[in-house]
PDB file of N, CA and C in Angstrom:
ATOM      1  N   MET A   1     -58.043 111.973  -7.945  1.00  0.00           N
ATOM      2  CA  MET A   1     -57.311 112.386  -9.124  1.00  0.00           C
ATOM      3  C   MET A   1     -55.948 113.162  -8.836  1.00  0.00           C
ATOM      4  N   SER A   2     -54.888 112.810  -9.218  1.00  0.00           N
ATOM      5  CA  SER A   2     -53.650 113.494  -8.979  1.00  0.00           C
ATOM      6  C   SER A   2     -53.533 114.617  -9.923  1.00  0.00           C
ATOM      7  N   ILE A   3     -53.014 115.668  -9.647  1.00  0.00           N
ATOM      8  CA  ILE A   3     -52.776 116.862 -10.382  1.00  0.00           C
ATOM      9  C   ILE A   3     -51.266 116.939 -10.710  1.00  0.00           C
ATOM     10  N   LEU A   4     -51.001 116.956 -11.967  1.00  0.00           N
ATOM     11  CA  LEU A   4     -49.809 117.123 -12.617  1.00  0.00           C
ATOM     12  C   LEU A   4     -49.449 118.628 -12.871  1.00  0.00           C
ATOM     13  N   VAL A   5     -48.344 119.116 -12.352  1.00  0.00           N
ATOM     14  CA  VAL A   5     -47.894 120.472 -12.687  1.00  0.00           C
ATOM     15  C   VAL A   5     -46.540 120.401 -13.059  1.00  0.00           C
ATOM     16  N   TRP A   6     -46.116 120.693 -14.291  1.00  0.00           N
ATOM     17  CA  TRP A   6     -44.790 120.736 -14.753  1.00  0.00           C
ATOM     18  C   TRP A   6     -44.471 121.903 -15.513  1.00  0.00           C
ATOM     19  N   HIS A   7     -43.414 122.551 -15.125  1.00  0.00           N
ATOM     20  CA  HIS A   7     -43.072 123.749 -15.893  1.00  0.00           C
ATOM     21  C   HIS A   7     -41.545 123.805 -16.256  1.00  0.00           C
ATOM     22  N   ARG A   8     -41.267 124.226 -17.368  1.00  0.00           N
ATOM     23  CA  ARG A   8     -39.824 124.304 -17.844  1.00  0.00           C
ATOM     24  C   ARG A   8     -39.578 125.505 -18.575  1.00  0.00           C
ATOM     25  N   THR A   9     -38.573 126.173 -18.312  1.00  0.00           N
ATOM     26  CA  THR A   9     -38.177 127.411 -19.019  1.00  0.00           C
ATOM     27  C   THR A   9     -36.717 127.283 -19.562  1.00  0.00           C
ATOM     28  N   ARG A  10     -36.604 127.535 -20.841  1.00  0.00           N
ATOM     29  CA  ARG A  10     -35.178 127.549 -21.320  1.00  0.00           C
ATOM     30  C   ARG A  10     -34.849 128.951 -21.939  1.00  0.00           C
ATOM     31  N   LEU A  11     -33.647 129.319 -21.626  1.00  0.00           N
ATOM     32  CA  LEU A  11     -33.113 130.663 -22.102  1.00  0.00           C
ATOM     33  C   LEU A  11     -32.073 130.271 -22.965  1.00  0.00           C
ATOM     34  N   GLN A  12     -32.033 130.891 -24.082  1.00  0.00           N
ATOM     35  CA  GLN A  12     -30.955 130.797 -25.061  1.00  0.00           C
ATOM     36  C   GLN A  12     -30.334 132.173 -25.425  1.00  0.00           C
ATOM     37  N   THR A  13     -29.144 132.301 -25.167  1.00  0.00           N
ATOM     38  CA  THR A  13     -28.623 133.592 -25.462  1.00  0.00           C
ATOM     39  C   THR A  13     -27.682 133.536 -26.535  1.00  0.00           C
ATOM     40  N   GLY A  14     -27.618 134.490 -27.482  1.00  0.00           N
ATOM     41  CA  GLY A  14     -26.786 134.716 -28.560  1.00  0.00           C
ATOM     42  C   GLY A  14     -26.142 136.039 -28.589  1.00  0.00           C
ATOM     43  N   PRO A  15     -25.346 136.256 -29.601  1.00  0.00           N
ATOM     44  CA  PRO A  15     -24.705 137.589 -29.537  1.00  0.00           C
ATOM     45  C   PRO A  15     -25.581 138.833 -29.568  1.00  0.00           C
ATOM     46  N   ASP A  16     -26.788 138.666 -30.205  1.00  0.00           N
ATOM     47  CA  ASP A  16     -27.654 139.831 -30.330  1.00  0.00           C
ATOM     48  C   ASP A  16     -29.137 139.683 -29.852  1.00  0.00           C
ATOM     49  N   HIS A  17     -29.415 138.613 -29.222  1.00  0.00           N
ATOM     50  CA  HIS A  17     -30.736 138.295 -28.873  1.00  0.00           C
ATOM     51  C   HIS A  17     -30.803 137.399 -27.641  1.00  0.00           C
ATOM     52  N   LEU A  18     -31.996 137.432 -27.100  1.00  0.00           N
ATOM     53  CA  LEU A  18     -32.395 136.574 -25.910  1.00  0.00           C
ATOM     54  C   LEU A  18     -33.723 135.884 -26.377  1.00  0.00           C
ATOM     55  N   ALA A  19     -33.792 134.560 -26.351  1.00  0.00           N
ATOM     56  CA  ALA A  19     -35.000 133.826 -26.708  1.00  0.00           C
ATOM     57  C   ALA A  19     -35.393 133.057 -25.478  1.00  0.00           C
ATOM     58  N   ILE A  20     -36.697 133.126 -25.173  1.00  0.00           N
ATOM     59  CA  ILE A  20     -37.223 132.490 -24.018  1.00  0.00           C
ATOM     60  C   ILE A  20     -38.404 131.579 -24.550  1.00  0.00           C
ATOM     61  N   SER A  21     -38.280 130.312 -24.097  1.00  0.00           N
ATOM     62  CA  SER A  21     -39.347 129.435 -24.286  1.00  0.00           C
ATOM     63  C   SER A  21     -39.788 128.669 -23.042  1.00  0.00           C
ATOM     64  N   ALA A  22     -40.986 128.600 -22.752  1.00  0.00           N
ATOM     65  CA  ALA A  22     -41.543 127.877 -21.593  1.00  0.00           C
ATOM     66  C   ALA A  22     -42.795 127.035 -21.900  1.00  0.00           C
ATOM     67  N   TYR A  23     -42.962 125.986 -21.177  1.00  0.00           N
ATOM     68  CA  TYR A  23     -44.156 125.335 -21.275  1.00  0.00           C
ATOM     69  C   TYR A  23     -44.647 124.832 -19.885  1.00  0.00           C
ATOM     70  N   ASN A  24     -45.854 124.561 -19.715  1.00  0.00           N
ATOM     71  CA  ASN A  24     -46.531 124.089 -18.454  1.00  0.00           C
ATOM     72  C   ASN A  24     -47.456 122.912 -18.914  1.00  0.00           C
ATOM     73  N   LEU A  25     -47.394 121.831 -18.122  1.00  0.00           N
ATOM     74  CA  LEU A  25     -48.306 120.752 -18.286  1.00  0.00           C
ATOM     75  C   LEU A  25     -49.117 120.532 -16.940  1.00  0.00           C
ATOM     76  N   PHE A  26     -50.443 120.751 -16.924  1.00  0.00           N
ATOM     77  CA  PHE A  26     -51.059 120.738 -15.655  1.00  0.00           C
ATOM     78  C   PHE A  26     -52.543 120.318 -15.836  1.00  0.00           C
ATOM     79  N   GLY A  27     -53.143 119.920 -14.690  1.00  0.00           N
ATOM     80  CA  GLY A  27     -54.541 119.677 -14.563  1.00  0.00           C
ATOM     81  C   GLY A  27     -55.354 120.874 -14.088  1.00  0.00           C
ATOM     82  N   ILE A  28     -56.609 121.073 -14.633  1.00  0.00           N
ATOM     83  CA  ILE A  28     -57.262 122.235 -14.305  1.00  0.00           C
ATOM     84  C   ILE A  28     -58.756 122.006 -14.524  1.00  0.00           C
ATOM     85  N   SER A  29     -59.653 122.671 -13.794  1.00  0.00           N
ATOM     86  CA  SER A  29     -61.040 122.591 -13.925  1.00  0.00           C
ATOM     87  C   SER A  29     -61.536 123.292 -15.356  1.00  0.00           C
ATOM     88  N   ARG A  30     -62.645 122.785 -15.855  1.00  0.00           N
ATOM     89  CA  ARG A  30     -63.025 123.407 -17.222  1.00  0.00           C
ATOM     90  C   ARG A  30     -63.398 124.878 -16.900  1.00  0.00           C
ATOM     91  N   LYS A  31     -63.814 125.274 -15.768  1.00  0.00           N
ATOM     92  CA  LYS A  31     -64.172 126.652 -15.491  1.00  0.00           C
ATOM     93  C   LYS A  31     -62.834 127.614 -15.570  1.00  0.00           C
ATOM     94  N   ASP A  32     -61.817 126.995 -15.003  1.00  0.00           N
ATOM     95  CA  ASP A  32     -60.525 127.769 -14.973  1.00  0.00           C
ATOM     96  C   ASP A  32     -59.825 127.717 -16.300  1.00  0.00           C
ATOM     97  N   LEU A  33     -60.067 126.703 -17.079  1.00  0.00           N
ATOM     98  CA  LEU A  33     -59.535 126.484 -18.354  1.00  0.00           C
ATOM     99  C   LEU A  33     -60.130 127.722 -19.325  1.00  0.00           C
ATOM    100  N   GLU A  34     -61.417 127.917 -19.185  1.00  0.00           N
ATOM    101  CA  GLU A  34     -62.083 129.103 -19.832  1.00  0.00           C
ATOM    102  C   GLU A  34     -61.567 130.392 -19.514  1.00  0.00           C
ATOM    103  N   ARG A  35     -61.121 130.596 -18.212  1.00  0.00           N
ATOM    104  CA  ARG A  35     -60.553 131.743 -17.663  1.00  0.00           C
ATOM    105  C   ARG A  35     -59.219 131.933 -18.414  1.00  0.00           C
ATOM    106  N   LEU A  36     -58.381 130.955 -18.436  1.00  0.00           N
ATOM    107  CA  LEU A  36     -57.114 130.946 -19.159  1.00  0.00           C
ATOM    108  C   LEU A  36     -57.240 131.221 -20.608  1.00  0.00           C
ATOM    109  N   ARG A  37     -58.213 130.535 -21.251  1.00  0.00           N
ATOM    110  CA  ARG A  37     -58.543 130.979 -22.824  1.00  0.00           C
ATOM    111  C   ARG A  37     -58.920 132.552 -22.918  1.00  0.00           C
ATOM    112  N   ASN A  38     -59.620 133.028 -21.983  1.00  0.00           N
ATOM    113  CA  ASN A  38     -60.034 134.483 -22.043  1.00  0.00           C
ATOM    114  C   ASN A  38     -58.832 135.453 -21.769  1.00  0.00           C
ATOM    115  N   LEU A  39     -57.899 134.883 -20.786  1.00  0.00           N
ATOM    116  CA  LEU A  39     -56.687 135.626 -20.588  1.00  0.00           C
ATOM    117  C   LEU A  39     -55.814 135.653 -21.799  1.00  0.00           C
ATOM    118  N   GLN A  40     -55.637 134.363 -22.590  1.00  0.00           N
ATOM    119  CA  GLN A  40     -54.900 134.298 -23.728  1.00  0.00           C
ATOM    120  C   GLN A  40     -55.406 135.105 -24.835  1.00  0.00           C
ATOM    121  N   ARG A  41     -56.743 135.288 -25.091  1.00  0.00           N
ATOM    122  CA  ARG A  41     -57.290 136.162 -26.042  1.00  0.00           C
ATOM    123  C   ARG A  41     -56.904 137.577 -25.858  1.00  0.00           C
ATOM    124  N   ALA A  42     -57.006 138.005 -24.443  1.00  0.00           N
ATOM    125  CA  ALA A  42     -56.712 139.445 -24.203  1.00  0.00           C
ATOM    126  C   ALA A  42     -55.252 139.677 -24.453  1.00  0.00           C
ATOM    127  N   TYR A  43     -54.339 138.766 -24.011  1.00  0.00           N
ATOM    128  CA  TYR A  43     -52.914 138.933 -24.268  1.00  0.00           C
ATOM    129  C   TYR A  43     -52.650 139.022 -25.725  1.00  0.00           C
ATOM    130  N   SER A  44     -53.331 138.167 -26.667  1.00  0.00           N
ATOM    131  CA  SER A  44     -53.133 138.190 -27.989  1.00  0.00           C
ATOM    132  C   SER A  44     -53.556 139.540 -28.588  1.00  0.00           C
ATOM    133  N   ARG A  45     -54.641 140.091 -28.168  1.00  0.00           N
ATOM    134  CA  ARG A  45     -55.195 141.263 -28.684  1.00  0.00           C
ATOM    135  C   ARG A  45     -54.106 142.398 -28.437  1.00  0.00           C
ATOM    136  N   GLU A  46     -53.660 142.471 -27.208  1.00  0.00           N
ATOM    137  CA  GLU A  46     -52.688 143.443 -26.655  1.00  0.00           C
ATOM    138  C   GLU A  46     -51.454 143.339 -27.450  1.00  0.00           C
ATOM    139  N   MET A  47     -50.852 142.147 -27.616  1.00  0.00           N
ATOM    140  CA  MET A  47     -49.710 141.917 -28.459  1.00  0.00           C
ATOM    141  C   MET A  47     -49.733 142.438 -29.850  1.00  0.00           C
ATOM    142  N   ARG A  48     -50.963 142.110 -30.508  1.00  0.00           N
ATOM    143  CA  ARG A  48     -51.161 142.558 -31.910  1.00  0.00           C
ATOM    144  C   ARG A  48     -51.252 144.187 -31.894  1.00  0.00           C
ATOM    145  N   ALA A  49     -51.791 144.749 -30.983  1.00  0.00           N
ATOM    146  CA  ALA A  49     -51.831 146.242 -31.011  1.00  0.00           C
ATOM    147  C   ALA A  49     -50.463 146.794 -30.766  1.00  0.00           C
ATOM    148  N   ILE A  50     -49.659 146.248 -29.980  1.00  0.00           N
ATOM    149  CA  ILE A  50     -48.216 146.693 -29.868  1.00  0.00           C
ATOM    150  C   ILE A  50     -47.528 146.572 -31.186  1.00  0.00           C
ATOM    151  N   ILE A  51     -47.706 145.272 -31.746  1.00  0.00           N
ATOM    152  CA  ILE A  51     -46.993 144.967 -33.064  1.00  0.00           C
ATOM    153  C   ILE A  51     -47.399 145.862 -34.132  1.00  0.00           C
ATOM    154  N   ALA A  52     -48.666 146.341 -34.082  1.00  0.00           N
ATOM    155  CA  ALA A  52     -49.271 147.238 -35.266  1.00  0.00           C
ATOM    156  C   ALA A  52     -48.580 148.577 -35.200  1.00  0.00           C
ATOM    157  N   SER A  53     -48.316 149.004 -33.977  1.00  0.00           N
ATOM    158  CA  SER A  53     -47.625 150.402 -33.822  1.00  0.00           C
ATOM    159  C   SER A  53     -46.154 150.488 -33.678  1.00  0.00           C
ATOM    160  N   SER A  54     -45.531 149.341 -33.763  1.00  0.00           N
ATOM    161  CA  SER A  54     -44.156 149.179 -33.589  1.00  0.00           C
ATOM    162  C   SER A  54     -43.331 149.679 -34.848  1.00  0.00           C
ATOM    163  N   THR A  55     -42.545 150.647 -34.723  1.00  0.00           N
ATOM    164  CA  THR A  55     -41.552 151.028 -35.768  1.00  0.00           C
ATOM    165  C   THR A  55     -40.208 151.450 -35.151  1.00  0.00           C
ATOM    166  N   PRO A  56     -39.180 151.373 -35.840  1.00  0.00           N
ATOM    167  CA  PRO A  56     -38.861 150.598 -37.104  1.00  0.00           C
ATOM    168  C   PRO A  56     -38.916 149.085 -36.824  1.00  0.00           C
ATOM    169  N   VAL A  57     -39.102 148.394 -37.887  1.00  0.00           N
ATOM    170  CA  VAL A  57     -38.989 146.868 -37.722  1.00  0.00           C
ATOM    171  C   VAL A  57     -37.576 146.473 -37.615  1.00  0.00           C
ATOM    172  N   GLU A  58     -37.173 146.002 -36.459  1.00  0.00           N
ATOM    173  CA  GLU A  58     -35.800 145.635 -36.154  1.00  0.00           C
ATOM    174  C   GLU A  58     -35.592 144.131 -35.831  1.00  0.00           C
ATOM    175  N   ALA A  59     -36.607 143.378 -35.675  1.00  0.00           N
ATOM    176  CA  ALA A  59     -36.585 142.036 -35.332  1.00  0.00           C
ATOM    177  C   ALA A  59     -37.793 141.301 -35.963  1.00  0.00           C
ATOM    178  N   ILE A  60     -37.512 140.143 -36.335  1.00  0.00           N
ATOM    179  CA  ILE A  60     -38.636 139.164 -36.823  1.00  0.00           C
ATOM    180  C   ILE A  60     -38.795 138.040 -35.810  1.00  0.00           C
ATOM    181  N   VAL A  61     -40.082 138.091 -35.244  1.00  0.00           N
ATOM    182  CA  VAL A  61     -40.282 137.310 -34.142  1.00  0.00           C
ATOM    183  C   VAL A  61     -41.411 136.199 -34.355  1.00  0.00           C
ATOM    184  N   LEU A  62     -41.293 135.027 -33.810  1.00  0.00           N
ATOM    185  CA  LEU A  62     -42.285 134.060 -33.881  1.00  0.00           C
ATOM    186  C   LEU A  62     -42.880 133.908 -32.476  1.00  0.00           C
ATOM    187  N   ALA A  63     -44.157 134.170 -32.389  1.00  0.00           N
ATOM    188  CA  ALA A  63     -44.936 134.036 -31.102  1.00  0.00           C
ATOM    189  C   ALA A  63     -45.801 132.770 -31.201  1.00  0.00           C
ATOM    190  N   ASN A  64     -45.746 131.861 -30.299  1.00  0.00           N
ATOM    191  CA  ASN A  64     -46.506 130.696 -30.275  1.00  0.00           C
ATOM    192  C   ASN A  64     -47.145 130.517 -28.849  1.00  0.00           C
ATOM    193  N   MET A  65     -48.529 130.763 -28.892  1.00  0.00           N
ATOM    194  CA  MET A  65     -49.399 130.507 -27.805  1.00  0.00           C
ATOM    195  C   MET A  65     -50.318 129.485 -28.014  1.00  0.00           C
ATOM    196  N   GLN A  66     -50.342 128.414 -27.168  1.00  0.00           N
ATOM    197  CA  GLN A  66     -51.314 127.386 -27.314  1.00  0.00           C
ATOM    198  C   GLN A  66     -51.848 126.836 -25.887  1.00  0.00           C
ATOM    199  N   LEU A  67     -53.142 126.538 -25.924  1.00  0.00           N
ATOM    200  CA  LEU A  67     -53.835 125.882 -24.817  1.00  0.00           C
ATOM    201  C   LEU A  67     -54.387 124.614 -25.343  1.00  0.00           C
ATOM    202  N   VAL A  68     -53.824 123.449 -25.144  1.00  0.00           N
ATOM    203  CA  VAL A  68     -54.318 122.266 -25.842  1.00  0.00           C
ATOM    204  C   VAL A  68     -54.840 121.306 -24.659  1.00  0.00           C
ATOM    205  N   ASP A  69     -56.065 120.907 -24.722  1.00  0.00           N
ATOM    206  CA  ASP A  69     -56.746 119.968 -23.830  1.00  0.00           C
ATOM    207  C   ASP A  69     -56.307 118.622 -24.407  1.00  0.00           C
ATOM    208  N   ILE A  70     -55.465 117.911 -23.643  1.00  0.00           N
ATOM    209  CA  ILE A  70     -54.893 116.592 -24.116  1.00  0.00           C
ATOM    210  C   ILE A  70     -55.580 115.416 -23.509  1.00  0.00           C
ATOM    211  N   ARG A  71     -56.663 115.540 -22.757  1.00  0.00           N
ATOM    212  CA  ARG A  71     -57.297 114.391 -22.126  1.00  0.00           C
ATOM    213  C   ARG A  71     -58.032 113.626 -23.236  1.00  0.00           C
ATOM    214  N   ASP A  72     -58.413 112.566 -22.791  1.00  0.00           N
ATOM    215  CA  ASP A  72     -59.248 111.514 -23.542  1.00  0.00           C
ATOM    216  C   ASP A  72     -60.535 112.191 -23.956  1.00  0.00           C
ATOM    217  N   PRO A  73     -61.016 111.952 -25.193  1.00  0.00           N
ATOM    218  CA  PRO A  73     -62.419 112.493 -25.615  1.00  0.00           C
ATOM    219  C   PRO A  73     -63.494 112.273 -24.763  1.00  0.00           C
ATOM    220  N   GLN A  74     -63.488 111.166 -23.991  1.00  0.00           N
ATOM    221  CA  GLN A  74     -64.520 110.877 -23.089  1.00  0.00           C
ATOM    222  C   GLN A  74     -64.393 111.459 -21.633  1.00  0.00           C
ATOM    223  N   GLY A  75     -63.210 112.339 -21.559  1.00  0.00           N
ATOM    224  CA  GLY A  75     -63.085 113.044 -20.350  1.00  0.00           C
ATOM    225  C   GLY A  75     -62.173 112.435 -19.410  1.00  0.00           C
ATOM    226  N   LYS A  76     -61.636 111.232 -19.751  1.00  0.00           N
ATOM    227  CA  LYS A  76     -60.673 110.567 -18.818  1.00  0.00           C
ATOM    228  C   LYS A  76     -59.380 111.189 -18.800  1.00  0.00           C
ATOM    229  N   THR A  77     -58.693 111.265 -17.706  1.00  0.00           N
ATOM    230  CA  THR A  77     -57.346 111.850 -17.590  1.00  0.00           C
ATOM    231  C   THR A  77     -56.210 110.936 -17.591  1.00  0.00           C
ATOM    232  N   SER A  78     -56.620 109.614 -17.445  1.00  0.00           N
ATOM    233  CA  SER A  78     -55.390 108.603 -17.458  1.00  0.00           C
ATOM    234  C   SER A  78     -55.904 107.305 -18.057  1.00  0.00           C
TER     235      SER A  78
END
């Protein structure tokens, strides 16, 4: 099985902000996918804690975090 790893980061600068978007497409074991899901949950909890205590509100931000298993339902990768 070949492993595909693809990463792209885009920076957009404007007069008052810096927006960063990135994505990765990769092959991984189910065990390590679960590790990534746990890491994502921890990051999400920490982010919500920071948001809850942040004052004053000076920016409106969209955070998008996804881990999507795109393989065939029967487990095939190609």
